[in-house]
């Protein structure tokens, strides 16, 4: 297994089915050996991008550059790409060894070379004791390891993964996503990963492409998407719970607050993470008066669900003592540095001064 990763760049990618636009002007790139995740809700276009990169569907416009070469109209078989699907797509009548080495057999790789490659990847994926079994005799996690091994043994520099962990339980998902990330680093292969699960995206990726309704909402590192959401969609999608978005009429803000584009206070939304909020914390920079609707115990914190006089609901992640009672009136406070401002008309992030 000697594959080294390869760069991938998608430029002005578009896809239409008849008059229906599925993707519009999609742009992103990842360096050789990088891990890029396409993240977004169902129907946003992330799996369509993967199918276009793989060559399973034809592009309507734009470029797909693998190692600097435009392959947008190159047949799928000539792109040298490996792919792992949501369903494991294992042959039920074959042993695990036969499943792993099937692609090498089709390519007529010599027997000794095939067996050596298969043995190495089986060891890498902890499958050595399972090679004589059939897929039905394996757990879901073991079957997913076989699907990964089948791709790795083919020695592809670019591997595409389409929600490969969605059929596994929560504990196995955490375990195998760690293994996938470890393999990415150890082997140096380039990975493009599709998921709707933000925890997977934030924990695994070098770069995240957040999709919304066929368009790129934001591209950046996991930390950039969390710390500096580019718009209200990113703010509301990233984070568990997501960022609170508060109406200006509910917020007591410093009188010196000045949005950079000259917008008035009524033209903006205030964003703040639940963990940045305190309750009755005294003289913080910003505050909101609200009523406690409900409480959720999360182990380390209570999630305090609040409603403002205007009817906006938001959440405070409260740790420590002094948990408020349902129905009580409280003041939620947060410091200047935790404040985000968004344009109410188009949702774009706004700079501001205090």
Protein backbone atom coordinates (compact mmCIF):
# COMPACT_ATOMS: atom_id res chain seq x y z
CA UNK A 1 0.00 0.00 0.00
CA UNK A 2 1.93 2.96 -1.30
CA UNK A 3 -0.78 5.41 -2.35
CA UNK A 4 0.01 9.05 -1.68
CA UNK A 5 -2.78 11.55 -1.60
CA UNK A 6 -3.67 13.76 -4.51
CA UNK A 7 -5.10 17.29 -4.60
CA UNK A 8 -8.73 17.91 -5.49
CA UNK A 9 -10.21 21.18 -6.70
CA UNK A 10 -13.82 21.81 -7.69
CA UNK A 11 -14.34 25.03 -9.67
CA UNK A 12 -17.71 26.57 -10.60
CA UNK A 13 -19.33 23.14 -10.49
CA UNK A 14 -22.96 23.02 -11.59
CA UNK A 15 -25.52 20.27 -12.04
CA UNK A 16 -29.04 20.41 -13.43
CA UNK A 17 -31.66 17.79 -14.10
CA UNK A 18 -33.64 19.36 -16.93
CA UNK A 19 -34.83 22.76 -15.71
CA UNK A 20 -34.07 21.92 -12.08
CA UNK A 21 -30.77 23.30 -10.73
CA UNK A 22 -29.30 20.91 -8.18
CA UNK A 23 -25.89 22.58 -7.73
CA UNK A 24 -24.86 26.18 -8.40
CA UNK A 25 -21.30 27.54 -8.59
CA UNK A 26 -19.69 25.14 -6.12
CA UNK A 27 -16.03 25.88 -5.34
CA UNK A 28 -13.61 24.22 -2.91
CA UNK A 29 -10.23 22.51 -2.78
CA UNK A 30 -8.19 20.16 -0.59
CA UNK A 31 -4.46 19.49 -0.55
CA UNK A 32 -2.90 16.03 -1.03
CA UNK A 33 -3.47 13.90 2.06
CA UNK A 34 -6.17 16.21 3.40
CA UNK A 35 -9.57 15.32 4.86
CA UNK A 36 -12.48 17.37 3.48
CA UNK A 37 -16.08 16.93 4.60
CA UNK A 38 -19.18 17.92 2.65
CA UNK A 39 -21.71 18.76 5.38
CA UNK A 40 -25.33 19.80 5.22
CA UNK A 41 -28.96 18.73 5.59
CA UNK A 42 -30.62 16.11 3.41
CA UNK A 43 -31.17 17.32 -0.14
CA UNK A 44 -28.51 20.06 -0.06
CA UNK A 45 -26.43 18.50 -2.88
CA UNK A 46 -23.50 16.97 -1.01
CA UNK A 47 -23.94 13.42 -2.35
CA UNK A 48 -24.48 14.83 -5.84
CA UNK A 49 -21.05 16.49 -5.61
CA UNK A 50 -19.54 13.14 -4.66
CA UNK A 51 -21.19 11.44 -7.65
CA UNK A 52 -19.87 14.14 -9.97
CA UNK A 53 -16.34 13.85 -8.58
CA UNK A 54 -16.47 10.06 -8.93
CA UNK A 55 -17.82 10.22 -12.49
CA UNK A 56 -21.08 8.41 -11.70
CA UNK A 57 -23.04 11.46 -12.94
CA UNK A 58 -22.19 13.96 -15.68
CA UNK A 59 -21.47 17.59 -14.83
CA UNK A 60 -23.57 20.41 -16.28
CA UNK A 61 -20.77 22.94 -15.89
CA UNK A 62 -17.47 23.65 -14.17
CA UNK A 63 -14.26 21.74 -13.52
CA UNK A 64 -13.13 18.83 -11.35
CA UNK A 65 -9.35 18.86 -11.06
CA UNK A 66 -7.62 15.81 -9.57
CA UNK A 67 -3.89 16.35 -9.24
CA UNK A 68 -4.30 19.49 -11.35
CA UNK A 69 -5.93 17.64 -14.28
CA UNK A 70 -9.53 18.38 -15.24
CA UNK A 71 -11.40 15.06 -15.19
CA UNK A 72 -14.94 16.47 -15.39
CA UNK A 73 -15.52 14.56 -18.62
CA UNK A 74 -13.18 11.64 -17.99
CA UNK A 75 -14.88 8.21 -17.58
CA UNK A 76 -15.22 7.08 -13.96
CA UNK A 77 -12.95 4.06 -14.48
CA UNK A 78 -10.06 6.33 -15.48
CA UNK A 79 -10.17 8.65 -12.45
CA UNK A 80 -8.33 6.34 -10.03
CA UNK A 81 -10.80 6.94 -7.20
CA UNK A 82 -11.94 4.65 -4.38
CA UNK A 83 -15.45 4.92 -2.97
CA UNK A 84 -17.15 3.76 0.24
CA UNK A 85 -20.94 3.82 0.27
CA UNK A 86 -23.59 4.08 2.98
CA UNK A 87 -24.58 0.46 2.36
CA UNK A 88 -21.58 -1.80 2.56
CA UNK A 89 -22.24 -3.46 -0.85
CA UNK A 90 -20.46 -6.67 0.14
CA UNK A 91 -20.94 -9.87 -1.87
CA UNK A 92 -22.87 -12.18 0.50
CA UNK A 93 -21.67 -15.41 -1.15
CA UNK A 94 -17.96 -14.49 -0.88
CA UNK A 95 -15.67 -14.75 2.11
CA UNK A 96 -14.24 -11.60 3.67
CA UNK A 97 -10.89 -12.30 1.99
CA UNK A 98 -12.61 -12.62 -1.39
CA UNK A 99 -14.59 -9.44 -0.82
CA UNK A 100 -11.48 -7.46 0.06
CA UNK A 101 -9.45 -8.71 -2.89
CA UNK A 102 -12.24 -8.71 -5.49
CA UNK A 103 -11.09 -5.49 -7.18
CA UNK A 104 -7.55 -6.84 -7.47
CA UNK A 105 -8.91 -10.02 -9.01
CA UNK A 106 -10.87 -8.05 -11.61
CA UNK A 107 -7.71 -6.10 -12.45
CA UNK A 108 -5.86 -9.46 -12.81
CA UNK A 109 -3.24 -8.60 -10.22
CA UNK A 110 -0.85 -11.58 -9.79
CA UNK A 111 -1.93 -13.98 -7.04
CA UNK A 112 1.12 -13.49 -4.81
CA UNK A 113 0.84 -9.70 -4.99
CA UNK A 114 -2.91 -9.85 -4.38
CA UNK A 115 -2.54 -12.04 -1.29
CA UNK A 116 0.23 -9.85 0.11
CA UNK A 117 -1.84 -6.66 -0.33
CA UNK A 118 -4.93 -8.29 1.12
CA UNK A 119 -3.01 -9.56 4.16
CA UNK A 120 -1.56 -6.11 4.86
CA UNK A 121 -4.88 -4.29 4.71
CA UNK A 122 -6.61 -7.02 6.75
CA UNK A 123 -4.03 -6.49 9.48
CA UNK A 124 -4.43 -2.71 9.23
CA UNK A 125 -8.22 -3.01 9.68
CA UNK A 126 -8.05 -5.74 12.37
CA UNK A 127 -9.78 -8.27 10.12
CA UNK A 128 -7.13 -11.00 10.10
CA UNK A 129 -9.20 -13.49 12.13
CA UNK A 130 -12.35 -12.93 10.05
CA UNK A 131 -11.09 -13.61 6.54
CA UNK A 132 -12.80 -17.02 6.18
CA UNK A 133 -16.21 -15.75 7.30
CA UNK A 134 -19.11 -14.51 5.17
CA UNK A 135 -20.51 -10.95 5.57
CA UNK A 136 -23.67 -12.22 7.32
CA UNK A 137 -21.49 -13.56 10.14
CA UNK A 138 -20.05 -10.09 10.89
CA UNK A 139 -21.38 -7.19 12.92
CA UNK A 140 -22.21 -3.86 11.27
CA UNK A 141 -18.92 -2.36 12.40
CA UNK A 142 -16.94 -5.31 11.06
CA UNK A 143 -18.77 -5.12 7.72
CA UNK A 144 -17.89 -1.43 7.46
CA UNK A 145 -14.24 -2.26 8.10
CA UNK A 146 -14.40 -4.76 5.23
CA UNK A 147 -15.87 -2.08 2.94
CA UNK A 148 -13.03 0.26 3.93
CA UNK A 149 -10.44 -2.48 3.46
CA UNK A 150 -11.72 -3.22 -0.04
CA UNK A 151 -11.08 0.40 -1.01
CA UNK A 152 -7.72 0.65 0.74
CA UNK A 153 -6.35 -2.50 -0.88
CA UNK A 154 -6.90 -0.93 -4.30
CA UNK A 155 -4.28 1.71 -3.42
CA UNK A 156 -6.29 4.74 -4.61
CA UNK A 157 -4.88 8.21 -3.79
CA UNK A 158 -8.38 9.75 -3.51
CA UNK A 159 -11.14 8.06 -1.51
CA UNK A 160 -14.76 9.28 -1.46
CA UNK A 161 -17.01 8.28 1.44
CA UNK A 162 -20.78 8.75 1.26
CA UNK A 163 -22.24 8.69 4.81
CA UNK A 164 -20.41 5.42 5.58
CA UNK A 165 -21.30 5.35 9.29
CA UNK A 166 -25.00 6.17 9.20
CA UNK A 167 -26.06 2.52 9.67
CA UNK A 168 -24.00 2.07 12.85
CA UNK A 169 -24.93 2.79 16.46
CA UNK A 170 -23.51 5.85 18.22
CA UNK A 171 -20.62 4.06 19.97
CA UNK A 172 -19.45 2.34 16.78
CA UNK A 173 -19.69 5.59 14.81
CA UNK A 174 -17.29 7.28 17.22
CA UNK A 175 -14.92 4.30 17.11
CA UNK A 176 -14.81 3.93 13.34
CA UNK A 177 -14.63 7.63 12.54
CA UNK A 178 -11.51 7.71 14.69
CA UNK A 179 -10.12 4.78 12.68
CA UNK A 180 -10.90 6.50 9.37
CA UNK A 181 -9.13 9.67 10.46
CA UNK A 182 -6.16 7.63 11.67
CA UNK A 183 -5.94 5.83 8.31
CA UNK A 184 -6.07 9.16 6.48
CA UNK A 185 -3.08 10.41 8.45
CA UNK A 186 -1.14 7.11 8.41
CA UNK A 187 -1.54 6.37 4.68
CA UNK A 188 -1.55 9.94 3.37
CA UNK A 189 -4.59 9.36 1.17
CA UNK A 190 -6.92 12.24 0.36
CA UNK A 191 -10.44 11.76 1.75
CA UNK A 192 -13.68 13.49 0.75
CA UNK A 193 -16.38 12.56 3.24
CA UNK A 194 -20.14 13.23 3.09
CA UNK A 195 -22.27 13.52 6.22
CA UNK A 196 -25.21 15.38 7.71
CA UNK A 197 -23.73 14.82 11.20
CA UNK A 198 -21.86 17.94 12.31
CA UNK A 199 -20.06 16.10 15.11
CA UNK A 200 -18.44 13.84 12.50
CA UNK A 201 -17.51 16.83 10.36
CA UNK A 202 -16.02 18.87 13.21
CA UNK A 203 -14.07 16.00 14.75
CA UNK A 204 -12.58 14.49 11.57
CA UNK A 205 -11.96 17.23 9.04
CA UNK A 206 -9.14 19.49 7.96
CA UNK A 207 -11.69 21.49 5.98
CA UNK A 208 -15.50 21.56 5.93
CA UNK A 209 -17.71 22.61 3.02
CA UNK A 210 -21.12 23.52 4.45
CA UNK A 211 -23.84 23.13 1.82
CA UNK A 212 -27.33 24.63 1.74
CA UNK A 213 -29.88 24.18 -1.06
CA UNK A 214 -27.30 23.41 -3.75
CA UNK A 215 -24.90 26.21 -2.84
CA UNK A 216 -21.82 26.54 -0.65
CA UNK A 217 -22.77 28.36 2.54
CA UNK A 218 -19.25 28.44 4.03
CA UNK A 219 -15.86 26.77 3.59
CA UNK A 220 -13.31 26.64 6.39
CA UNK A 221 -11.69 24.66 9.16
CA UNK A 222 -14.03 23.22 11.81
CA UNK A 223 -12.88 25.93 14.22
CA UNK A 224 -13.56 28.69 11.68
CA UNK A 225 -17.10 27.45 11.07
CA UNK A 226 -17.75 27.23 14.81
CA UNK A 227 -16.09 30.48 15.87
CA UNK A 228 -16.95 32.67 12.87
CA UNK A 229 -20.11 31.50 11.07
CA UNK A 230 -20.46 33.37 7.79
CA UNK A 231 -24.26 33.57 7.95
CA UNK A 232 -27.30 32.60 9.99
CA UNK A 233 -27.53 29.21 8.26
CA UNK A 234 -24.02 28.28 9.40
CA UNK A 235 -24.73 29.70 12.87
CA UNK A 236 -27.89 27.63 13.18
CA UNK A 237 -26.42 24.41 11.76
CA UNK A 238 -23.08 24.21 13.57
CA UNK A 239 -23.07 23.53 17.29
CA UNK A 240 -25.06 21.33 19.71
CA UNK A 241 -27.19 23.17 20.64
CA UNK A 242 -26.67 25.63 17.76
CA UNK A 243 -25.98 29.33 18.12
CA UNK A 244 -28.88 31.37 19.49
CA UNK A 245 -30.25 34.05 17.15
CA UNK A 246 -31.98 36.87 19.02
CA UNK A 247 -34.18 39.69 17.80
CA UNK A 248 -32.73 43.15 18.34
CA UNK A 249 -35.75 44.38 20.31
CA UNK A 250 -35.06 41.77 23.01
CA UNK A 251 -31.37 42.61 23.48
CA UNK A 252 -30.01 45.24 25.86
CA UNK A 253 -26.80 46.21 24.02
CA UNK A 254 -24.18 48.87 24.71
CA UNK A 255 -25.27 52.25 23.38
CA UNK A 256 -21.99 52.49 21.46
CA UNK A 257 -22.74 49.39 19.34
CA UNK A 258 -22.16 50.33 15.68
CA UNK A 259 -22.60 47.81 12.83
CA UNK A 260 -19.81 48.33 10.28
CA UNK A 261 -22.17 48.84 7.33
CA UNK A 262 -24.17 51.55 9.10
CA UNK A 263 -27.21 49.34 9.72
CA UNK A 264 -29.53 50.30 12.54
CA UNK A 265 -30.12 48.06 15.54
CA UNK A 266 -33.49 46.93 14.18
CA UNK A 267 -31.79 45.63 11.01
CA UNK A 268 -29.64 43.03 12.79
CA UNK A 269 -29.85 39.71 14.61
CA UNK A 270 -27.66 38.98 17.60
CA UNK A 271 -25.92 35.61 17.74
CA UNK A 272 -24.48 33.99 20.87
CA UNK A 273 -23.47 30.41 21.70
CA UNK A 274 -25.41 28.71 24.55
CA UNK A 275 -22.17 28.06 26.45
CA UNK A 276 -21.26 31.77 26.32
CA UNK A 277 -24.42 32.79 28.19
CA UNK A 278 -24.71 33.24 31.94
CA UNK A 279 -27.82 33.68 34.07
CA UNK A 280 -28.15 36.82 36.19
CA UNK A 281 -24.40 37.22 35.79
CA UNK A 282 -24.35 40.87 36.65
CA UNK A 283 -22.77 43.58 34.56
CA UNK A 284 -22.07 41.74 31.28
CA UNK A 285 -21.99 43.65 27.99
CA UNK A 286 -25.23 42.26 26.52
CA UNK A 287 -28.36 40.87 28.18
CA UNK A 288 -31.86 39.55 27.49
CA UNK A 289 -34.79 39.24 29.90
CA UNK A 290 -36.64 35.94 29.48
CA UNK A 291 -38.80 33.29 31.12
CA UNK A 292 -37.66 29.70 31.76
CA UNK A 293 -39.78 27.27 29.71
CA UNK A 294 -38.03 23.98 30.48
CA UNK A 295 -34.82 22.33 31.69
CA UNK A 296 -32.76 19.46 30.26
CA UNK A 297 -30.09 17.74 32.32
CA UNK A 298 -27.04 16.89 30.18
CA UNK A 299 -24.64 15.64 32.86
CA UNK A 300 -22.13 18.48 32.94
CA UNK A 301 -24.70 21.18 32.26
CA UNK A 302 -28.37 22.02 32.36
CA UNK A 303 -29.81 23.24 29.07
CA UNK A 304 -32.13 26.04 30.13
CA UNK A 305 -34.77 26.74 27.49
CA UNK A 306 -35.93 30.35 27.57
CA UNK A 307 -38.46 32.53 25.77
CA UNK A 308 -38.24 36.30 25.35
CA UNK A 309 -41.17 38.73 25.58
CA UNK A 310 -41.34 38.80 21.76
CA UNK A 311 -41.62 35.00 21.61
CA UNK A 312 -38.05 34.14 20.53
CA UNK A 313 -36.78 30.89 22.05
CA UNK A 314 -33.14 30.35 22.97
CA UNK A 315 -30.95 28.09 25.12
CA UNK A 316 -28.43 28.67 27.90
CA UNK A 317 -25.90 25.93 28.77
CA UNK A 318 -25.80 26.44 32.56
CA UNK A 319 -23.20 24.76 34.75
CA UNK A 320 -22.79 24.97 38.50
CA UNK A 321 -25.35 25.82 41.15
CA UNK A 322 -28.34 28.11 40.99
CA UNK A 323 -30.40 26.26 38.39
CA UNK A 324 -33.55 28.33 37.80
CA UNK A 325 -37.04 26.91 38.16
CA UNK A 326 -39.46 26.49 35.27
CA UNK A 327 -41.62 29.58 34.91
CA UNK A 328 -39.15 31.89 36.64
CA UNK A 329 -38.00 35.18 35.15
CA UNK A 330 -34.24 35.50 34.53
CA UNK A 331 -31.71 37.68 32.76
CA UNK A 332 -29.29 36.02 30.34
CA UNK A 333 -25.97 37.85 29.98
CA UNK A 334 -22.95 37.48 27.75
CA UNK A 335 -19.68 39.38 27.17
CA UNK A 336 -18.88 41.58 24.20
CA UNK A 337 -16.38 39.04 22.78
CA UNK A 338 -19.07 36.34 22.48
CA UNK A 339 -21.35 38.50 20.32
CA UNK A 340 -22.05 37.83 16.64
CA UNK A 341 -24.03 40.17 14.43
CA UNK A 342 -25.99 39.17 11.32
CA UNK A 343 -27.80 41.18 8.67
CA UNK A 344 -31.51 40.54 9.15
CA UNK A 345 -32.25 40.87 5.42
CA UNK A 346 -29.82 38.30 3.98
CA UNK A 347 -28.39 36.54 7.04
CA UNK A 348 -24.78 37.50 6.32
CA UNK A 349 -22.34 38.00 9.19
CA UNK A 350 -21.61 41.66 9.98
CA UNK A 351 -18.61 43.37 11.55
CA UNK A 352 -19.29 45.85 14.32
CA UNK A 353 -17.57 48.19 16.74
CA UNK A 354 -18.30 49.01 20.38
